[in-house]
Amino acid sequence: MAFSFPAFSYIVALIIDAFLIFFSIFHVIAFDELKTDYKNPIDQCNSLNPLVLPEYGLHILFNLLFLFSGEWLSLALNIPLIAYHVWRYSNRPVMSQPGLYDPTSIMNTDVLRACLREGWIKLAVYLLSFFYYLYG
């Protein structure tokens, strides 16, 4: 059995997905700390915003590998999350630095609840994807 480009794509996706799982766990913990007032919103947003673009870039990277290797089902499973990332970043608050989280509005109960829910959903998607890539 030869080592093919689709196999390489799945190995890279598996490794990158492990990092994305770490990012989403970090986001969930950070928003839980905000909810329980363990950290102030400025420090928390300063630690979360630099992780947004690397997360999106890594997710797009292995999906480009799936595109080039012809793994259409794996790509189709990730298209909704990529579309959500594009929509979320295009509708972000006006800020001077890259990122999604604004310290002035993050403590709003609805925004905090939505960000926490988003973190849990991303964690579930990345975990399911991890096991799918492990199978692939």
N, C-alpha and C. Protein backbone atom coordinates (compact mmCIF):
# COMPACT_ATOMS: atom_id res chain seq x y z
N MET A 1 0.85 -1.17 0.00
CA MET A 1 0.00 0.00 0.00
C MET A 1 0.89 1.23 0.00
N ALA A 2 0.65 2.13 -0.91
CA ALA A 2 1.48 3.32 -1.07
C ALA A 2 0.94 4.46 -0.22
N PHE A 3 1.85 5.32 0.17
CA PHE A 3 1.50 6.53 0.91
C PHE A 3 1.05 7.57 -0.11
N SER A 4 -0.22 7.90 -0.10
CA SER A 4 -0.77 8.78 -1.12
C SER A 4 -1.03 10.18 -0.56
N PHE A 5 -1.36 11.09 -1.46
CA PHE A 5 -1.65 12.46 -1.04
C PHE A 5 -2.91 12.54 -0.17
N PRO A 6 -3.98 11.78 -0.45
CA PRO A 6 -5.12 11.79 0.48
C PRO A 6 -4.75 11.32 1.88
N ALA A 7 -3.87 10.31 1.97
CA ALA A 7 -3.43 9.85 3.30
C ALA A 7 -2.65 10.96 4.01
N PHE A 8 -1.79 11.65 3.28
CA PHE A 8 -1.06 12.78 3.84
C PHE A 8 -2.03 13.87 4.30
N SER A 9 -3.07 14.11 3.52
CA SER A 9 -4.07 15.12 3.89
C SER A 9 -4.76 14.76 5.20
N TYR A 10 -5.10 13.49 5.36
CA TYR A 10 -5.76 13.08 6.60
C TYR A 10 -4.81 13.14 7.79
N ILE A 11 -3.56 12.82 7.59
CA ILE A 11 -2.59 12.90 8.70
C ILE A 11 -2.40 14.35 9.13
N VAL A 12 -2.26 15.25 8.16
CA VAL A 12 -2.12 16.67 8.48
C VAL A 12 -3.39 17.19 9.15
N ALA A 13 -4.55 16.78 8.64
CA ALA A 13 -5.82 17.20 9.24
C ALA A 13 -5.96 16.69 10.67
N LEU A 14 -5.49 15.49 10.92
CA LEU A 14 -5.55 14.93 12.27
C LEU A 14 -4.68 15.72 13.24
N ILE A 15 -3.49 16.07 12.81
CA ILE A 15 -2.58 16.84 13.66
C ILE A 15 -3.11 18.25 13.89
N ILE A 16 -3.56 18.90 12.82
CA ILE A 16 -4.08 20.26 12.96
C ILE A 16 -5.36 20.27 13.78
N ASP A 17 -6.19 19.26 13.61
CA ASP A 17 -7.43 19.19 14.37
C ASP A 17 -7.16 19.05 15.87
N ALA A 18 -6.07 18.40 16.23
CA ALA A 18 -5.70 18.33 17.65
C ALA A 18 -5.41 19.74 18.19
N PHE A 19 -4.73 20.56 17.39
CA PHE A 19 -4.49 21.95 17.80
C PHE A 19 -5.80 22.74 17.87
N LEU A 20 -6.72 22.50 16.94
CA LEU A 20 -8.00 23.19 16.97
C LEU A 20 -8.83 22.79 18.18
N ILE A 21 -8.72 21.54 18.58
CA ILE A 21 -9.40 21.10 19.80
C ILE A 21 -8.82 21.84 21.00
N PHE A 22 -7.50 21.99 21.04
CA PHE A 22 -6.88 22.76 22.12
C PHE A 22 -7.37 24.20 22.11
N PHE A 23 -7.44 24.83 20.93
CA PHE A 23 -7.92 26.21 20.84
C PHE A 23 -9.34 26.33 21.36
N SER A 24 -10.21 25.40 20.98
CA SER A 24 -11.61 25.50 21.41
C SER A 24 -11.75 25.24 22.90
N ILE A 25 -10.94 24.33 23.45
CA ILE A 25 -10.96 24.12 24.91
C ILE A 25 -10.50 25.38 25.62
N PHE A 26 -9.46 26.02 25.09
CA PHE A 26 -8.97 27.27 25.68
C PHE A 26 -10.06 28.35 25.64
N HIS A 27 -10.80 28.43 24.52
CA HIS A 27 -11.88 29.41 24.41
C HIS A 27 -12.98 29.14 25.44
N VAL A 28 -13.37 27.89 25.59
CA VAL A 28 -14.43 27.54 26.54
C VAL A 28 -14.00 27.88 27.96
N ILE A 29 -12.77 27.55 28.32
CA ILE A 29 -12.26 27.86 29.66
C ILE A 29 -12.19 29.37 29.86
N ALA A 30 -11.74 30.10 28.85
CA ALA A 30 -11.63 31.55 28.98
C ALA A 30 -13.00 32.19 29.18
N PHE A 31 -13.99 31.75 28.44
CA PHE A 31 -15.32 32.34 28.60
C PHE A 31 -15.96 31.93 29.91
N ASP A 32 -15.65 30.74 30.40
CA ASP A 32 -16.13 30.35 31.72
C ASP A 32 -15.49 31.21 32.80
N GLU A 33 -14.20 31.53 32.65
CA GLU A 33 -13.54 32.43 33.60
C GLU A 33 -14.16 33.82 33.56
N LEU A 34 -14.54 34.28 32.39
CA LEU A 34 -15.22 35.57 32.30
C LEU A 34 -16.57 35.53 32.98
N LYS A 35 -17.28 34.42 32.79
CA LYS A 35 -18.61 34.29 33.37
C LYS A 35 -18.56 34.29 34.90
N THR A 36 -17.51 33.71 35.45
CA THR A 36 -17.39 33.64 36.91
C THR A 36 -16.52 34.74 37.49
N ASP A 37 -16.15 35.73 36.66
CA ASP A 37 -15.38 36.91 37.09
C ASP A 37 -14.01 36.58 37.66
N TYR A 38 -13.35 35.57 37.13
CA TYR A 38 -11.98 35.28 37.55
C TYR A 38 -10.97 36.16 36.83
N LYS A 39 -11.30 36.62 35.63
CA LYS A 39 -10.40 37.48 34.86
C LYS A 39 -11.17 38.69 34.36
N ASN A 40 -10.44 39.76 34.09
CA ASN A 40 -11.12 40.92 33.53
C ASN A 40 -11.23 40.78 32.01
N PRO A 41 -12.20 41.44 31.41
CA PRO A 41 -12.45 41.24 29.98
C PRO A 41 -11.33 41.74 29.07
N ILE A 42 -10.58 42.75 29.48
CA ILE A 42 -9.52 43.27 28.62
C ILE A 42 -8.40 42.24 28.48
N ASP A 43 -7.95 41.67 29.61
CA ASP A 43 -6.91 40.64 29.55
C ASP A 43 -7.38 39.41 28.78
N GLN A 44 -8.62 39.04 29.01
CA GLN A 44 -9.14 37.84 28.34
C GLN A 44 -9.24 38.04 26.83
N CYS A 45 -9.73 39.20 26.41
CA CYS A 45 -9.82 39.47 24.97
C CYS A 45 -8.44 39.60 24.35
N ASN A 46 -7.49 40.14 25.09
CA ASN A 46 -6.12 40.22 24.58
C ASN A 46 -5.48 38.84 24.43
N SER A 47 -5.92 37.88 25.21
CA SER A 47 -5.37 36.53 25.06
C SER A 47 -6.16 35.71 24.03
N LEU A 48 -7.43 36.04 23.79
CA LEU A 48 -8.25 35.28 22.84
C LEU A 48 -8.13 35.78 21.41
N ASN A 49 -8.07 37.08 21.22
CA ASN A 49 -8.06 37.62 19.85
C ASN A 49 -6.89 37.16 18.99
N PRO A 50 -5.66 37.01 19.53
CA PRO A 50 -4.58 36.53 18.67
C PRO A 50 -4.76 35.08 18.20
N LEU A 51 -5.67 34.34 18.78
CA LEU A 51 -5.86 32.94 18.39
C LEU A 51 -6.91 32.76 17.30
N VAL A 52 -7.65 33.82 16.99
CA VAL A 52 -8.76 33.68 16.04
C VAL A 52 -8.26 33.42 14.63
N LEU A 53 -7.39 34.26 14.12
CA LEU A 53 -6.90 34.08 12.75
C LEU A 53 -6.07 32.81 12.57
N PRO A 54 -5.21 32.42 13.52
CA PRO A 54 -4.54 31.12 13.35
C PRO A 54 -5.51 29.94 13.32
N GLU A 55 -6.58 30.01 14.12
CA GLU A 55 -7.58 28.94 14.09
C GLU A 55 -8.23 28.86 12.72
N TYR A 56 -8.64 29.99 12.18
CA TYR A 56 -9.28 30.01 10.87
C TYR A 56 -8.30 29.57 9.78
N GLY A 57 -7.06 30.03 9.87
CA GLY A 57 -6.05 29.65 8.87
C GLY A 57 -5.75 28.17 8.87
N LEU A 58 -5.61 27.58 10.06
CA LEU A 58 -5.35 26.15 10.14
C LEU A 58 -6.52 25.34 9.60
N HIS A 59 -7.73 25.80 9.91
CA HIS A 59 -8.91 25.08 9.43
C HIS A 59 -9.00 25.14 7.90
N ILE A 60 -8.70 26.28 7.33
CA ILE A 60 -8.73 26.40 5.87
C ILE A 60 -7.58 25.62 5.23
N LEU A 61 -6.42 25.56 5.91
CA LEU A 61 -5.26 24.86 5.36
C LEU A 61 -5.55 23.40 5.08
N PHE A 62 -6.05 22.67 6.06
CA PHE A 62 -6.26 21.25 5.78
C PHE A 62 -7.47 21.01 4.88
N ASN A 63 -8.37 21.97 4.82
CA ASN A 63 -9.46 21.82 3.86
C ASN A 63 -8.99 22.07 2.43
N LEU A 64 -7.99 22.92 2.26
CA LEU A 64 -7.37 23.06 0.95
C LEU A 64 -6.67 21.77 0.54
N LEU A 65 -6.06 21.10 1.50
CA LEU A 65 -5.46 19.79 1.21
C LEU A 65 -6.52 18.79 0.78
N PHE A 66 -7.67 18.81 1.46
CA PHE A 66 -8.77 17.93 1.05
C PHE A 66 -9.25 18.27 -0.36
N LEU A 67 -9.29 19.56 -0.68
CA LEU A 67 -9.71 19.98 -2.01
C LEU A 67 -8.75 19.48 -3.07
N PHE A 68 -7.45 19.65 -2.83
CA PHE A 68 -6.45 19.23 -3.82
C PHE A 68 -6.33 17.72 -3.94
N SER A 69 -6.67 17.00 -2.86
CA SER A 69 -6.58 15.54 -2.92
C SER A 69 -7.88 14.88 -3.37
N GLY A 70 -8.93 15.68 -3.55
CA GLY A 70 -10.19 15.12 -4.03
C GLY A 70 -11.02 14.44 -2.97
N GLU A 71 -10.82 14.79 -1.73
CA GLU A 71 -11.62 14.22 -0.64
C GLU A 71 -12.86 15.09 -0.45
N TRP A 72 -13.86 14.84 -1.29
CA TRP A 72 -15.02 15.73 -1.36
C TRP A 72 -15.91 15.61 -0.14
N LEU A 73 -16.06 14.43 0.43
CA LEU A 73 -16.92 14.27 1.60
C LEU A 73 -16.32 15.00 2.81
N SER A 74 -15.02 14.87 3.00
CA SER A 74 -14.37 15.56 4.11
C SER A 74 -14.46 17.07 3.94
N LEU A 75 -14.31 17.52 2.73
CA LEU A 75 -14.43 18.95 2.46
C LEU A 75 -15.86 19.42 2.68
N ALA A 76 -16.83 18.63 2.23
CA ALA A 76 -18.23 19.00 2.39
C ALA A 76 -18.64 19.06 3.86
N LEU A 77 -18.05 18.21 4.69
CA LEU A 77 -18.36 18.24 6.11
C LEU A 77 -17.82 19.51 6.79
N ASN A 78 -16.77 20.09 6.22
CA ASN A 78 -16.15 21.28 6.82
C ASN A 78 -16.63 22.60 6.23
N ILE A 79 -17.31 22.57 5.10
CA ILE A 79 -17.76 23.80 4.45
C ILE A 79 -18.69 24.63 5.35
N PRO A 80 -19.64 24.03 6.07
CA PRO A 80 -20.49 24.86 6.92
C PRO A 80 -19.71 25.63 8.00
N LEU A 81 -18.71 25.00 8.60
CA LEU A 81 -17.93 25.70 9.62
C LEU A 81 -17.05 26.78 8.99
N ILE A 82 -16.52 26.53 7.81
CA ILE A 82 -15.74 27.56 7.12
C ILE A 82 -16.64 28.74 6.78
N ALA A 83 -17.84 28.46 6.29
CA ALA A 83 -18.78 29.54 5.98
C ALA A 83 -19.15 30.32 7.23
N TYR A 84 -19.32 29.62 8.35
CA TYR A 84 -19.60 30.32 9.61
C TYR A 84 -18.43 31.19 10.03
N HIS A 85 -17.21 30.69 9.87
CA HIS A 85 -16.03 31.48 10.23
C HIS A 85 -15.95 32.74 9.38
N VAL A 86 -16.21 32.62 8.09
CA VAL A 86 -16.17 33.79 7.20
C VAL A 86 -17.25 34.79 7.60
N TRP A 87 -18.46 34.29 7.86
CA TRP A 87 -19.56 35.17 8.28
C TRP A 87 -19.25 35.84 9.61
N ARG A 88 -18.73 35.07 10.55
CA ARG A 88 -18.45 35.60 11.89
C ARG A 88 -17.37 36.67 11.83
N TYR A 89 -16.34 36.46 11.03
CA TYR A 89 -15.26 37.44 10.96
C TYR A 89 -15.68 38.67 10.17
N SER A 90 -16.54 38.52 9.19
CA SER A 90 -17.00 39.68 8.42
C SER A 90 -17.98 40.53 9.22
N ASN A 91 -18.65 39.95 10.22
CA ASN A 91 -19.60 40.69 11.05
C ASN A 91 -19.05 40.98 12.44
N ARG A 92 -17.75 41.04 12.59
CA ARG A 92 -17.14 41.29 13.89
C ARG A 92 -17.29 42.76 14.26
N PRO A 93 -17.14 43.08 15.55
CA PRO A 93 -17.20 44.48 15.96
C PRO A 93 -16.03 45.27 15.38
N VAL A 94 -16.22 46.57 15.25
CA VAL A 94 -15.16 47.43 14.73
C VAL A 94 -14.07 47.53 15.78
N MET A 95 -12.86 47.05 15.41
CA MET A 95 -11.74 47.05 16.34
C MET A 95 -10.48 47.44 15.59
N SER A 96 -9.47 47.86 16.34
CA SER A 96 -8.22 48.28 15.70
C SER A 96 -7.26 47.11 15.47
N GLN A 97 -7.54 45.97 16.06
CA GLN A 97 -6.67 44.81 15.92
C GLN A 97 -7.48 43.63 15.40
N PRO A 98 -6.81 42.62 14.83
CA PRO A 98 -7.56 41.46 14.36
C PRO A 98 -8.11 40.66 15.54
N GLY A 99 -9.24 40.07 15.35
CA GLY A 99 -9.88 39.27 16.39
C GLY A 99 -11.38 39.46 16.34
N LEU A 100 -12.07 38.76 17.22
CA LEU A 100 -13.53 38.80 17.25
C LEU A 100 -14.10 39.43 18.51
N TYR A 101 -13.35 39.45 19.56
CA TYR A 101 -13.91 39.75 20.87
C TYR A 101 -13.56 41.16 21.31
N ASP A 102 -14.59 41.94 21.59
CA ASP A 102 -14.45 43.31 22.03
C ASP A 102 -14.62 43.35 23.54
N PRO A 103 -13.65 43.89 24.28
CA PRO A 103 -13.75 43.89 25.73
C PRO A 103 -14.92 44.68 26.28
N THR A 104 -15.41 45.65 25.52
CA THR A 104 -16.51 46.47 26.03
C THR A 104 -17.86 45.75 25.95
N SER A 105 -17.99 44.80 25.04
CA SER A 105 -19.28 44.12 24.89
C SER A 105 -19.25 42.65 25.30
N ILE A 106 -18.08 42.13 25.63
CA ILE A 106 -17.99 40.70 25.91
C ILE A 106 -18.69 40.32 27.22
N MET A 107 -18.80 41.27 28.15
CA MET A 107 -19.44 40.96 29.42
C MET A 107 -20.97 41.03 29.35
N ASN A 108 -21.50 41.43 28.21
CA ASN A 108 -22.95 41.37 28.02
C ASN A 108 -23.37 39.91 28.12
N THR A 109 -24.42 39.65 28.87
CA THR A 109 -24.83 38.27 29.14
C THR A 109 -25.13 37.50 27.86
N ASP A 110 -25.83 38.14 26.93
CA ASP A 110 -26.18 37.44 25.69
C ASP A 110 -24.94 37.14 24.85
N VAL A 111 -24.01 38.09 24.77
CA VAL A 111 -22.79 37.89 24.00
C VAL A 111 -21.93 36.80 24.64
N LEU A 112 -21.81 36.85 25.94
CA LEU A 112 -21.00 35.85 26.66
C LEU A 112 -21.60 34.46 26.51
N ARG A 113 -22.91 34.35 26.60
CA ARG A 113 -23.58 33.06 26.43
C ARG A 113 -23.41 32.54 25.01
N ALA A 114 -23.51 33.44 24.02
CA ALA A 114 -23.34 33.03 22.62
C ALA A 114 -21.91 32.58 22.35
N CYS A 115 -20.94 33.28 22.91
CA CYS A 115 -19.53 32.90 22.71
C CYS A 115 -19.23 31.56 23.39
N LEU A 116 -19.80 31.34 24.56
CA LEU A 116 -19.60 30.07 25.26
C LEU A 116 -20.24 28.93 24.48
N ARG A 117 -21.45 29.15 23.96
CA ARG A 117 -22.13 28.14 23.15
C ARG A 117 -21.34 27.85 21.87
N GLU A 118 -20.82 28.91 21.25
CA GLU A 118 -20.01 28.75 20.05
C GLU A 118 -18.77 27.90 20.34
N GLY A 119 -18.14 28.12 21.49
CA GLY A 119 -16.96 27.34 21.86
C GLY A 119 -17.29 25.86 22.05
N TRP A 120 -18.42 25.58 22.70
CA TRP A 120 -18.81 24.18 22.92
C TRP A 120 -19.16 23.50 21.60
N ILE A 121 -19.85 24.21 20.72
CA ILE A 121 -20.22 23.61 19.43
C ILE A 121 -18.97 23.35 18.60
N LYS A 122 -18.03 24.30 18.58
CA LYS A 122 -16.79 24.09 17.84
C LYS A 122 -16.01 22.91 18.42
N LEU A 123 -15.99 22.80 19.74
CA LEU A 123 -15.31 21.67 20.37
C LEU A 123 -15.92 20.36 19.93
N ALA A 124 -17.25 20.29 19.89
CA ALA A 124 -17.93 19.06 19.45
C ALA A 124 -17.61 18.75 17.99
N VAL A 125 -17.63 19.78 17.14
CA VAL A 125 -17.35 19.56 15.71
C VAL A 125 -15.92 19.10 15.52
N TYR A 126 -14.97 19.73 16.22
CA TYR A 126 -13.57 19.34 16.07
C TYR A 126 -13.31 17.94 16.62
N LEU A 127 -13.98 17.57 17.70
CA LEU A 127 -13.82 16.21 18.24
C LEU A 127 -14.37 15.16 17.28
N LEU A 128 -15.56 15.42 16.74
CA LEU A 128 -16.13 14.48 15.77
C LEU A 128 -15.25 14.40 14.52
N SER A 129 -14.73 15.55 14.09
CA SER A 129 -13.84 15.56 12.94
C SER A 129 -12.56 14.79 13.21
N PHE A 130 -12.05 14.91 14.43
CA PHE A 130 -10.83 14.21 14.80
C PHE A 130 -10.99 12.70 14.61
N PHE A 131 -12.09 12.15 15.10
CA PHE A 131 -12.31 10.72 14.97
C PHE A 131 -12.61 10.32 13.52
N TYR A 132 -13.25 11.21 12.78
CA TYR A 132 -13.48 10.93 11.36
C TYR A 132 -12.15 10.91 10.60
N TYR A 133 -11.27 11.85 10.88
CA TYR A 133 -9.95 11.87 10.21
C TYR A 133 -9.11 10.69 10.64
N LEU A 134 -9.26 10.26 11.88
CA LEU A 134 -8.55 9.09 12.35
C LEU A 134 -8.99 7.85 11.56
N TYR A 135 -10.27 7.79 11.27
CA TYR A 135 -10.80 6.69 10.46
C TYR A 135 -10.35 6.82 9.01
N GLY A 136 -10.30 8.08 8.50
CA GLY A 136 -9.95 8.32 7.09
C GLY A 136 -8.51 7.98 6.82
